[in-house]
Protein backbone atom coordinates (compact mmCIF):
# COMPACT_ATOMS: atom_id res chain seq x y z
CA MET A 1 -0.01 -0.01 0.00
CA SER A 2 1.46 3.36 -1.00
CA THR A 3 1.53 6.41 1.24
CA ILE A 4 -1.28 8.14 -0.57
CA ASP A 5 -3.72 5.21 -0.38
CA SER A 6 -4.71 6.13 3.10
CA GLU A 7 -5.53 9.69 1.99
CA LEU A 8 -7.71 8.73 -0.97
CA LYS A 9 -11.46 9.21 -0.47
CA PRO A 10 -14.07 7.76 -2.76
CA TYR A 11 -15.86 10.16 -5.08
CA ALA A 12 -19.56 9.84 -4.20
CA LEU A 13 -20.77 10.76 -7.68
CA LEU A 14 -18.44 8.25 -9.42
CA GLY A 15 -19.71 5.10 -7.85
CA GLY A 16 -17.39 5.28 -4.87
CA TYR A 17 -14.25 4.95 -6.97
CA ASN A 18 -11.18 6.89 -5.79
CA ALA A 19 -8.53 8.78 -7.77
CA LYS A 20 -6.21 5.81 -7.94
CA GLU A 21 -8.94 3.56 -9.36
CA LEU A 22 -9.97 6.29 -11.87
CA TRP A 23 -6.44 7.16 -12.94
CA PRO A 24 -6.36 4.77 -15.96
CA THR A 25 -9.35 6.60 -17.46
CA VAL A 26 -7.04 9.57 -18.08
CA ASN A 27 -5.54 7.49 -20.93
CA LEU A 28 -8.80 7.81 -22.84
CA ILE A 29 -7.31 11.10 -24.12
CA LEU A 30 -4.56 9.36 -26.07
CA PRO A 31 -6.64 8.54 -29.19
CA THR A 32 -7.53 12.24 -29.35
CA TRP A 33 -3.87 13.22 -29.54
CA PHE A 34 -3.13 10.40 -32.03
CA LEU A 35 -5.88 11.59 -34.44
CA LEU A 36 -4.80 15.25 -34.08
CA ALA A 37 -1.24 14.37 -35.09
CA VAL A 38 -1.77 11.75 -37.81
CA ALA A 39 -5.23 12.24 -39.27
CA PRO A 40 -6.08 15.95 -39.25
CA ARG A 41 -8.06 15.87 -42.51
CA TRP A 42 -9.97 12.60 -41.94
CA LYS A 43 -13.70 13.39 -41.97
CA TYR A 44 -14.25 11.71 -38.59
CA THR A 45 -11.39 13.40 -36.75
CA PRO A 46 -13.33 16.49 -35.61
CA THR A 47 -16.04 14.29 -34.05
CA LEU A 48 -13.86 11.54 -32.65
CA THR A 49 -11.38 14.01 -31.05
CA LEU A 50 -14.24 15.17 -28.82
CA ALA A 51 -14.95 11.71 -27.40
CA GLY A 52 -12.02 11.55 -24.91
CA PRO A 53 -12.37 15.15 -23.68
CA ILE A 54 -16.12 14.69 -23.17
CA ILE A 55 -15.75 11.47 -21.18
CA ILE A 56 -12.87 12.88 -19.12
CA ALA A 57 -14.70 16.20 -18.61
CA ALA A 58 -17.60 14.23 -17.16
CA ILE A 59 -15.18 12.46 -14.76
CA TYR A 60 -13.69 15.86 -13.89
CA THR A 61 -17.05 17.40 -13.22
CA LEU A 62 -18.32 14.59 -11.05
CA SER A 63 -15.11 14.29 -9.06
CA ALA A 64 -14.89 18.06 -8.51
CA ILE A 65 -18.55 18.21 -7.35
CA SER A 66 -17.92 15.18 -5.09
CA MET A 67 -14.95 16.97 -3.52
CA MET A 68 -16.73 20.25 -3.05
CA PHE A 69 -20.01 18.99 -1.59
CA THR A 70 -19.36 15.80 0.21
CA GLY A 71 -17.08 15.17 3.13
CA GLU A 72 -15.97 11.93 4.65
CA ASP A 73 -19.15 11.60 6.68
CA GLY A 74 -21.43 12.53 3.78
CA GLY A 75 -21.87 16.07 4.99
CA ASN A 76 -20.44 19.21 3.47
CA ALA A 77 -16.70 19.21 2.85
CA SER A 78 -14.64 22.07 4.25
CA GLU A 79 -14.69 25.02 1.92
CA ILE A 80 -11.94 25.23 -0.66
CA ASP A 81 -10.48 28.75 -0.87
CA PHE A 82 -9.73 29.36 -4.57
CA SER A 83 -8.97 33.04 -3.91
CA THR A 84 -5.70 32.57 -2.10
CA LEU A 85 -2.44 30.85 -2.86
CA GLU A 86 -2.64 28.99 0.48
CA GLY A 87 -6.06 27.58 -0.44
CA ILE A 88 -4.75 26.26 -3.78
CA VAL A 89 -1.65 24.75 -2.13
CA THR A 90 -3.86 23.04 0.39
CA LEU A 91 -6.04 21.67 -2.36
CA PHE A 92 -3.06 20.26 -4.18
CA LYS A 93 -1.69 18.60 -1.07
CA ASP A 94 -4.67 16.34 -1.22
CA PRO A 95 -4.25 13.45 -3.75
CA ASN A 96 -7.93 13.80 -4.63
CA GLY A 97 -7.34 17.45 -5.47
CA VAL A 98 -4.29 16.55 -7.55
CA PHE A 99 -6.39 14.10 -9.55
CA VAL A 100 -9.11 16.71 -10.20
CA GLY A 101 -6.48 19.27 -11.20
CA TRP A 102 -4.65 16.84 -13.49
CA VAL A 103 -7.86 15.76 -15.22
CA HIS A 104 -8.68 19.46 -15.76
CA TYR A 105 -5.29 20.00 -17.45
CA VAL A 106 -5.68 16.92 -19.63
CA VAL A 107 -9.10 17.96 -20.96
CA TYR A 108 -8.15 21.61 -21.47
CA ASP A 109 -4.87 20.80 -23.29
CA ALA A 110 -6.63 18.29 -25.59
CA LEU A 111 -9.27 20.84 -26.48
CA VAL A 112 -6.59 23.49 -27.22
CA GLY A 113 -4.78 20.87 -29.39
CA ARG A 114 -8.03 20.18 -31.21
CA TRP A 115 -8.53 23.87 -31.86
CA ILE A 116 -4.96 24.14 -33.20
CA MET A 117 -5.59 21.27 -35.62
CA LEU A 118 -9.00 22.46 -36.79
CA ASP A 119 -7.58 25.96 -37.33
CA SER A 120 -4.71 24.58 -39.40
CA VAL A 121 -7.09 22.51 -41.57
CA GLU A 122 -9.40 25.51 -42.04
CA ARG A 123 -6.44 27.62 -43.13
CA GLY A 124 -5.42 24.93 -45.66
CA CYS A 125 -2.05 23.98 -44.18
CA SER A 126 -0.22 21.40 -46.28
CA THR A 127 0.86 18.03 -44.96
CA MET A 128 4.40 19.36 -44.81
CA VAL A 129 3.39 22.36 -42.67
CA HIS A 130 1.34 20.00 -40.48
CA VAL A 131 4.32 17.73 -39.89
CA LEU A 132 6.92 20.50 -39.43
CA VAL A 133 4.85 23.14 -37.59
CA ILE A 134 1.53 21.91 -36.30
CA VAL A 135 2.69 18.60 -34.80
CA PRO A 136 5.41 20.34 -32.73
CA CYS A 137 2.75 22.85 -31.57
CA LEU A 138 0.53 19.96 -30.60
CA PHE A 139 3.40 18.49 -28.61
CA LEU A 140 3.98 21.77 -26.86
CA ALA A 141 0.25 22.14 -26.11
CA LEU A 142 0.25 18.59 -24.68
CA MET A 143 3.36 19.09 -22.55
CA PHE A 144 3.23 22.72 -21.65
CA GLY A 145 -0.33 23.96 -22.38
CA PRO A 146 -0.26 27.62 -23.51
CA MET A 147 3.23 27.33 -24.99
CA GLY A 148 1.84 25.34 -27.93
CA TRP A 149 -0.99 27.77 -28.59
């Protein structure tokens, strides 16, 4: 048993699963990035690249609501202070908060990557431009968020 296992609480709105049990679902975003990089002009890419972000956004929403409104005893959780640095640091000391934050980043970065790809297709970028410019931008969006945008 790892050191964080004792700190993990089940998410009430996700069937009682905890962050460790839900962690593999984050990989549902990988087909989105694959399609963005290798099949930007395929007619199904715009639709299929929404599947992963929508599923993971649902997990994000339900886990965030579970954290905000349910405590260990089923009552209200202590209030999370998003207006101070100390409140955010406290949130990210909790493995459940780290999971919610990471899922947020994963969804947001994928949607920014999708926007980059759709914009490049709309502007008529050639395959060469896609490989030499857009794919590196997608990598930067994946790894560093705003840097790829």
